[in-house]
Amino acid sequence: MLRLLTLQLLLLLLFSHLLTTNATATAITQQFKEAPQFYNSPDCPSFDQDESDSESDGEGTIFCSDQAVHVAMTLDTAYIRGSMAAILSVLQHSSCPQNVAFHFVASASANASLLRTTISSSFPYLNFRVYTFDDSSVSRLISTSIRSALDCPLNYARSYLANILPLCVRRVVYLDSDLVLVDDIAKLAATPLGEKTILAAPEYCNANFTSYFTPTFWSNPSLSLTFADRKACYFNTGVMVIDLDRWRAGDYTTKIEEWMELQKRMRIYELGSLPPFLLVFAGNIVPVDHRWNQHGLGGDNFRGLCRDLHPGPVSLLHWSGKGKPWARLDANRPCPLDALWAPYDLLQTPFALDS
């Protein structure tokens, strides 16, 4: 009887290992086409080798230049296909694509070398660096939310950009991996932040702001007074312009962590990494035109149903929500707007012919 149980246990472990191996292989063996090379227009600024300041710590010139457009994104095997499309869209619509510096943040437990190779194979001329994020440090602060994807530690890396990126990077555009741009990112990066503001993002003041927090939060006078002196509106954290110098000076990472620690003790919100940002910044950001985050194209967090564009012009399409365009296309159940993402898809299909 004991031998039989032992054999069954070994078979179960072997089966589990095979499933894990197959899932991992599927995630990391996607092949991507090489993207075209994009060149600067004649009036783009050039970078001198002595331009980087004494605090650059040996970083390459473009990675410390205030004239560069600094873009930060997270990078993992689960969303790599979306990331590749986002990168291509940024370059394709940029007037100065060679002046864009990408700062990719990957989990410390990820295969950073594989991710780096995947990016450089499709974008041989891309200015990019990969930084590791010790996600174990934030894991202890994460509370379960309404969708498991929102609980991924890497989803919280945006709160730590000021610590992860070099000190010489003073301003950054943070982008999620499930979006594409159809306009010049330099316009977004140049958003004026005034003298004191930390970040800029499109605001949605018609959204029901109270729904982002639990009755426990609103029924507690000391907590609900958090927004007493500001006109707090919802904003989506998938597209943000951040002044990292001001973030560091104000130690805003600690402020966000304090709310996450409170959430562990008493449940005051349901939606992953978004509510702490709202608690710290809502009502104190520079509003950006809605064209820069046509979000929600992935549907809601439960069913991921198809949605239409918001009224008005479009500079950025964002498939936030449960449904991702690549998954719906692969399942032959695309939403109409997924056709706008498809031209940026660099996935090399088995039947694709090299041109």
Protein backbone atom coordinates (compact mmCIF):
# COMPACT_ATOMS: atom_id res chain seq x y z
CA MET A 1 0.00 0.00 0.00
CA LEU A 2 2.83 2.37 0.92
CA ARG A 3 4.64 1.59 -2.35
CA LEU A 4 1.47 2.31 -4.30
CA LEU A 5 0.99 5.66 -2.58
CA THR A 6 4.64 6.53 -3.18
CA LEU A 7 4.32 5.63 -6.86
CA GLN A 8 1.16 7.71 -7.21
CA LEU A 9 2.88 10.67 -5.56
CA LEU A 10 5.88 10.39 -7.89
CA LEU A 11 3.61 10.22 -10.92
CA LEU A 12 1.70 13.26 -9.69
CA LEU A 13 4.92 15.23 -9.22
CA LEU A 14 6.17 14.19 -12.65
CA PHE A 15 2.88 15.22 -14.27
CA SER A 16 2.97 18.55 -12.46
CA HIS A 17 6.55 19.14 -13.60
CA LEU A 18 5.65 18.39 -17.21
CA LEU A 19 2.74 20.83 -17.09
CA THR A 20 4.96 23.55 -15.64
CA THR A 21 7.69 22.89 -18.19
CA ASN A 22 5.24 22.97 -21.10
CA ALA A 23 3.64 26.19 -19.86
CA THR A 24 7.04 27.81 -19.45
CA ALA A 25 8.20 26.63 -22.85
CA THR A 26 5.09 28.05 -24.49
CA ALA A 27 5.67 31.38 -22.81
CA ILE A 28 9.33 31.78 -23.67
CA THR A 29 9.62 30.17 -27.10
CA GLN A 30 7.52 32.68 -29.02
CA GLN A 31 9.46 33.91 -32.02
CA PHE A 32 9.21 37.54 -33.09
CA LYS A 33 10.01 39.21 -36.38
CA GLU A 34 12.67 41.88 -36.65
CA ALA A 35 11.13 45.33 -36.73
CA PRO A 36 12.23 47.91 -39.29
CA GLN A 37 14.82 50.43 -38.19
CA PHE A 38 13.49 53.94 -37.61
CA TYR A 39 15.56 57.09 -38.03
CA ASN A 40 15.45 60.60 -36.59
CA SER A 41 14.09 63.48 -38.60
CA PRO A 42 16.70 66.16 -39.44
CA ASP A 43 15.69 68.54 -36.65
CA CYS A 44 16.09 66.03 -33.81
CA PRO A 45 18.66 66.93 -31.12
CA SER A 46 21.89 64.96 -31.05
CA PHE A 47 23.70 63.79 -27.94
CA ASP A 48 27.28 64.79 -27.23
CA GLN A 49 29.45 62.34 -25.37
CA ASP A 50 30.18 64.91 -22.64
CA GLU A 51 26.52 65.83 -22.20
CA SER A 52 25.83 63.46 -19.30
CA ASP A 53 26.47 65.07 -15.94
CA SER A 54 28.84 64.03 -13.18
CA GLU A 55 26.06 62.09 -11.44
CA SER A 56 25.56 59.77 -14.38
CA ASP A 57 27.50 56.98 -12.66
CA GLY A 58 28.94 55.85 -15.96
CA GLU A 59 25.58 55.48 -17.70
CA GLY A 60 25.49 55.92 -21.47
CA THR A 61 24.82 59.44 -22.70
CA ILE A 62 21.27 58.91 -23.94
CA PHE A 63 20.28 57.11 -20.75
CA CYS A 64 21.10 60.21 -18.72
CA SER A 65 20.15 62.93 -21.17
CA ASP A 66 17.31 65.31 -20.38
CA GLN A 67 16.80 65.67 -24.15
CA ALA A 68 15.95 61.99 -24.53
CA VAL A 69 12.44 60.65 -24.10
CA HIS A 70 12.69 58.13 -21.29
CA VAL A 71 10.12 55.33 -21.39
CA ALA A 72 9.71 52.82 -18.56
CA MET A 73 7.89 49.52 -18.98
CA THR A 74 7.78 46.23 -17.13
CA LEU A 75 8.90 43.13 -19.00
CA ASP A 76 7.92 39.51 -18.51
CA THR A 77 7.24 36.42 -20.60
CA ALA A 78 3.48 36.56 -20.04
CA TYR A 79 3.11 40.01 -21.64
CA ILE A 80 6.16 40.02 -23.93
CA ARG A 81 4.00 39.98 -27.06
CA GLY A 82 2.16 43.08 -25.92
CA SER A 83 5.43 44.77 -24.97
CA MET A 84 6.88 44.17 -28.44
CA ALA A 85 3.83 45.76 -30.07
CA ALA A 86 3.99 48.74 -27.71
CA ILE A 87 7.69 49.32 -28.46
CA LEU A 88 7.08 49.15 -32.21
CA SER A 89 4.22 51.64 -31.96
CA VAL A 90 6.35 54.10 -29.99
CA LEU A 91 9.16 53.98 -32.55
CA GLN A 92 6.92 54.03 -35.61
CA HIS A 93 5.12 57.21 -34.59
CA SER A 94 8.07 59.06 -33.04
CA SER A 95 9.65 61.96 -34.91
CA CYS A 96 12.93 61.21 -33.09
CA PRO A 97 12.89 57.43 -32.51
CA GLN A 98 16.65 57.25 -32.00
CA ASN A 99 16.26 59.64 -29.06
CA VAL A 100 13.93 57.33 -27.13
CA ALA A 101 15.54 55.43 -24.25
CA PHE A 102 13.66 52.41 -22.96
CA HIS A 103 14.03 51.33 -19.34
CA PHE A 104 12.62 47.83 -18.88
CA VAL A 105 11.97 46.44 -15.41
CA ALA A 106 11.95 42.67 -14.99
CA SER A 107 11.39 40.50 -11.95
CA ALA A 108 14.55 39.32 -10.21
CA SER A 109 13.27 35.77 -10.63
CA ALA A 110 12.79 36.17 -14.40
CA ASN A 111 15.26 35.15 -17.09
CA ALA A 112 16.52 38.66 -17.78
CA SER A 113 19.04 37.42 -20.34
CA LEU A 114 16.28 35.79 -22.39
CA LEU A 115 14.12 38.91 -22.21
CA ARG A 116 17.07 41.07 -23.24
CA THR A 117 17.85 38.79 -26.19
CA THR A 118 14.22 38.76 -27.30
CA ILE A 119 14.09 42.56 -27.37
CA SER A 120 17.44 43.03 -29.10
CA SER A 121 16.63 40.39 -31.74
CA SER A 122 13.55 42.28 -32.90
CA PHE A 123 14.98 45.75 -32.24
CA PRO A 124 18.76 45.54 -32.89
CA TYR A 125 19.15 49.33 -32.77
CA LEU A 126 16.97 50.01 -29.74
CA ASN A 127 18.36 52.09 -26.89
CA PHE A 128 17.34 50.00 -23.90
CA ARG A 129 18.39 48.62 -20.55
CA VAL A 130 16.87 45.92 -18.39
CA TYR A 131 16.74 46.44 -14.63
CA THR A 132 15.83 43.80 -12.08
CA PHE A 133 13.11 44.37 -9.53
CA ASP A 134 13.28 42.51 -6.23
CA ASP A 135 9.62 41.58 -6.19
CA SER A 136 10.01 39.67 -2.94
CA SER A 137 10.23 43.02 -1.15
CA VAL A 138 6.75 44.03 -2.31
CA SER A 139 5.15 40.58 -2.15
CA ARG A 140 4.66 40.88 1.59
CA LEU A 141 2.58 44.03 1.05
CA ILE A 142 0.28 42.71 -1.67
CA SER A 143 -3.32 41.91 -0.79
CA THR A 144 -5.50 39.78 -3.05
CA SER A 145 -7.67 41.73 -5.48
CA ILE A 146 -10.60 41.01 -7.78
CA ARG A 147 -8.35 39.64 -10.58
CA SER A 148 -5.25 37.49 -10.05
CA ALA A 149 -3.27 39.29 -12.78
CA LEU A 150 -3.48 42.46 -10.69
CA ASP A 151 -1.70 40.70 -7.81
CA CYS A 152 1.51 40.05 -9.76
CA PRO A 153 4.39 41.73 -7.88
CA LEU A 154 5.75 43.17 -11.14
CA ASN A 155 2.48 45.10 -11.45
CA TYR A 156 3.71 47.16 -8.49
CA ALA A 157 7.10 48.02 -10.04
CA ARG A 158 5.73 51.40 -11.21
CA SER A 159 5.74 52.46 -7.56
CA TYR A 160 9.49 51.79 -7.36
CA LEU A 161 10.77 53.39 -10.58
CA ALA A 162 12.48 56.19 -8.66
CA ASN A 163 14.52 53.56 -6.81
CA ILE A 164 15.16 51.25 -9.77
CA LEU A 165 16.18 53.70 -12.48
CA PRO A 166 19.48 55.64 -12.34
CA LEU A 167 19.42 58.94 -10.45
CA CYS A 168 20.27 60.76 -13.67
CA VAL A 169 16.86 59.83 -15.11
CA ARG A 170 14.77 62.77 -13.96
CA ARG A 171 11.55 62.34 -15.92
CA VAL A 172 9.98 59.21 -17.37
CA VAL A 173 6.88 58.16 -19.28
CA TYR A 174 5.52 54.97 -17.77
CA LEU A 175 3.58 52.70 -20.15
CA ASP A 176 1.72 49.44 -19.61
CA SER A 177 2.37 46.55 -22.00
CA ASP A 178 -1.18 46.26 -23.35
CA LEU A 179 -1.27 49.46 -25.39
CA VAL A 180 -0.13 51.01 -28.66
CA LEU A 181 0.60 54.62 -29.54
CA VAL A 182 -0.59 56.25 -32.74
CA ASP A 183 1.03 59.61 -32.03
CA ASP A 184 4.48 61.00 -31.16
CA ILE A 185 5.40 60.07 -27.59
CA ALA A 186 7.52 63.23 -27.34
CA LYS A 187 4.29 65.23 -27.10
CA LEU A 188 3.22 63.24 -24.05
CA ALA A 189 6.68 63.36 -22.49
CA ALA A 190 6.74 67.16 -22.81
CA THR A 191 3.64 67.60 -20.62
CA PRO A 192 4.33 70.60 -18.32
CA LEU A 193 4.29 69.55 -14.67
CA GLY A 194 4.48 73.01 -13.16
CA GLU A 195 6.68 73.79 -10.18
CA LYS A 196 5.61 71.09 -7.72
CA THR A 197 3.49 68.39 -9.36
CA ILE A 198 4.85 64.84 -9.35
CA LEU A 199 2.94 63.22 -12.18
CA ALA A 200 0.57 63.79 -15.07
CA ALA A 201 -2.08 61.47 -16.48
CA PRO A 202 -5.52 61.66 -18.07
CA GLU A 203 -8.16 62.21 -15.38
CA TYR A 204 -11.71 60.86 -15.48
CA CYS A 205 -13.79 62.92 -13.09
CA ASN A 206 -17.07 61.42 -14.31
CA ALA A 207 -16.05 58.01 -13.00
CA ASN A 208 -17.56 56.90 -9.69
CA PHE A 209 -14.54 57.59 -7.49
CA THR A 210 -16.11 56.13 -4.35
CA SER A 211 -16.31 52.69 -5.98
CA TYR A 212 -12.52 52.31 -5.87
CA PHE A 213 -12.62 52.00 -2.08
CA THR A 214 -14.59 49.82 0.31
CA PRO A 215 -17.34 50.89 2.73
CA THR A 216 -14.78 50.28 5.47
CA PHE A 217 -12.69 53.12 4.03
CA TRP A 218 -15.54 55.59 3.58
CA SER A 219 -17.10 54.86 6.97
CA ASN A 220 -13.86 55.65 8.78
CA PRO A 221 -13.69 59.45 9.29
CA SER A 222 -9.92 59.59 9.56
CA LEU A 223 -9.54 57.69 6.27
CA SER A 224 -12.28 59.35 4.24
CA LEU A 225 -10.82 62.76 5.11
CA THR A 226 -7.82 61.81 2.95
CA PHE A 227 -9.53 63.49 -0.01
CA ALA A 228 -11.13 66.35 1.94
CA ASP A 229 -8.91 69.12 0.57
CA ARG A 230 -8.57 67.98 -3.02
CA LYS A 231 -10.83 67.31 -5.99
CA ALA A 232 -9.96 63.65 -6.35
CA CYS A 233 -10.64 62.02 -9.71
CA TYR A 234 -9.87 58.57 -11.06
CA PHE A 235 -6.82 58.22 -13.29
CA ASN A 236 -5.40 55.12 -14.95
CA THR A 237 -1.83 54.30 -13.88
CA GLY A 238 -0.99 52.56 -17.16
CA VAL A 239 0.05 55.86 -18.75
CA MET A 240 1.85 58.41 -16.58
CA VAL A 241 4.46 61.14 -16.91
CA ILE A 242 6.50 61.15 -13.70
CA ASP A 243 9.04 63.62 -12.33
CA LEU A 244 11.41 61.17 -10.64
CA ASP A 245 13.45 63.90 -8.92
CA ARG A 246 10.35 65.18 -7.12
CA TRP A 247 9.20 61.64 -6.41
CA ARG A 248 12.52 60.85 -4.75
CA ALA A 249 12.56 64.10 -2.80
CA GLY A 250 9.07 63.43 -1.43
CA ASP A 251 9.73 59.71 -0.82
CA TYR A 252 6.45 58.81 -2.48
CA THR A 253 7.30 55.11 -2.63
CA THR A 254 7.12 55.02 1.17
CA LYS A 255 3.77 56.86 1.10
CA ILE A 256 2.35 54.22 -1.24
CA GLU A 257 3.75 51.41 0.89
CA GLU A 258 2.11 52.87 4.00
CA TRP A 259 -1.31 52.55 2.36
CA MET A 260 -0.50 49.00 1.28
CA GLU A 261 0.44 48.14 4.86
CA LEU A 262 -2.87 49.54 6.08
CA GLN A 263 -4.67 47.48 3.44
CA LYS A 264 -3.12 44.33 4.94
CA ARG A 265 -4.67 45.21 8.31
CA MET A 266 -8.09 46.42 7.13
CA ARG A 267 -9.44 45.99 3.60
CA ILE A 268 -9.93 49.49 2.22
CA TYR A 269 -9.82 48.75 -1.54
CA GLU A 270 -10.12 45.90 -4.07
CA LEU A 271 -8.12 46.83 -7.17
CA GLY A 272 -4.44 45.92 -6.82
CA SER A 273 -1.84 48.65 -7.37
CA LEU A 274 -4.24 51.41 -8.49
CA PRO A 275 -5.89 52.52 -5.21
CA PRO A 276 -2.61 53.39 -3.41
CA PHE A 277 -1.78 55.70 -6.32
CA LEU A 278 -5.19 57.32 -6.03
CA LEU A 279 -4.80 57.72 -2.27
CA VAL A 280 -1.47 59.49 -2.67
CA PHE A 281 -1.95 61.46 -5.90
CA ALA A 282 -5.64 61.81 -6.88
CA GLY A 283 -6.53 65.49 -7.06
CA ASN A 284 -2.88 66.51 -7.16
CA ILE A 285 -1.89 65.56 -10.70
CA VAL A 286 -1.64 67.50 -13.95
CA PRO A 287 -4.52 66.33 -16.18
CA VAL A 288 -3.53 65.14 -19.64
CA ASP A 289 -5.85 65.11 -22.65
CA HIS A 290 -7.93 61.92 -22.75
CA ARG A 291 -6.56 61.13 -26.20
CA TRP A 292 -3.42 59.84 -24.45
CA ASN A 293 -5.21 56.97 -22.73
CA GLN A 294 -8.19 55.51 -24.55
CA HIS A 295 -8.32 52.83 -21.88
CA GLY A 296 -10.70 50.02 -21.01
CA LEU A 297 -10.51 48.36 -24.44
CA GLY A 298 -9.92 45.02 -22.72
CA GLY A 299 -13.37 45.20 -21.16
CA ASP A 300 -14.07 44.85 -17.45
CA ASN A 301 -12.08 42.82 -14.94
CA PHE A 302 -14.51 39.90 -14.99
CA ARG A 303 -15.63 39.09 -18.55
CA GLY A 304 -13.47 41.27 -20.80
CA LEU A 305 -16.34 42.17 -23.13
CA CYS A 306 -15.78 44.28 -26.24
CA ARG A 307 -15.92 48.04 -25.85
CA ASP A 308 -16.00 51.05 -28.14
CA LEU A 309 -13.62 53.99 -28.17
CA HIS A 310 -14.39 56.98 -26.01
CA PRO A 311 -15.53 60.03 -28.01
CA GLY A 312 -12.78 62.30 -29.30
CA PRO A 313 -9.34 62.04 -30.91
CA VAL A 314 -6.96 59.16 -30.18
CA SER A 315 -3.21 59.17 -29.53
CA LEU A 316 -2.95 55.99 -27.45
CA LEU A 317 -5.09 52.81 -27.38
CA HIS A 318 -5.02 50.88 -24.11
CA TRP A 319 -6.44 47.38 -23.68
CA SER A 320 -6.73 47.62 -19.90
CA GLY A 321 -9.16 45.10 -18.42
CA LYS A 322 -9.32 41.34 -18.67
CA GLY A 323 -9.34 40.89 -22.47
CA LYS A 324 -6.02 41.26 -24.29
CA PRO A 325 -5.98 41.68 -28.08
CA TRP A 326 -3.37 38.99 -28.75
CA ALA A 327 -5.33 36.41 -26.73
CA ARG A 328 -8.61 37.24 -28.47
CA LEU A 329 -6.96 37.15 -31.90
CA ASP A 330 -5.39 33.77 -31.17
CA ALA A 331 -8.75 32.44 -30.01
CA ASN A 332 -10.41 33.71 -33.22
CA ARG A 333 -12.75 35.81 -31.08
CA PRO A 334 -11.39 39.33 -31.62
CA CYS A 335 -13.21 42.49 -30.75
CA PRO A 336 -13.51 45.04 -33.58
CA LEU A 337 -10.89 47.35 -32.03
CA ASP A 338 -8.35 44.51 -31.78
CA ALA A 339 -7.79 45.10 -35.50
CA LEU A 340 -6.06 48.35 -34.52
CA TRP A 341 -3.54 46.42 -32.41
CA ALA A 342 -2.85 43.68 -34.96
CA PRO A 343 -0.57 45.73 -37.31
CA TYR A 344 1.94 46.14 -34.46
CA ASP A 345 2.03 42.42 -33.62
CA LEU A 346 5.54 41.11 -34.29
CA LEU A 347 4.78 37.47 -33.52
CA GLN A 348 6.38 35.16 -36.08
CA THR A 349 3.72 32.63 -37.01
CA PRO A 350 4.75 29.14 -38.20
CA PHE A 351 3.35 29.89 -41.65
CA ALA A 352 4.83 33.37 -42.07
CA LEU A 353 7.23 33.78 -44.99
CA ASP A 354 10.35 35.87 -44.71
CA SER A 355 10.23 38.79 -47.09
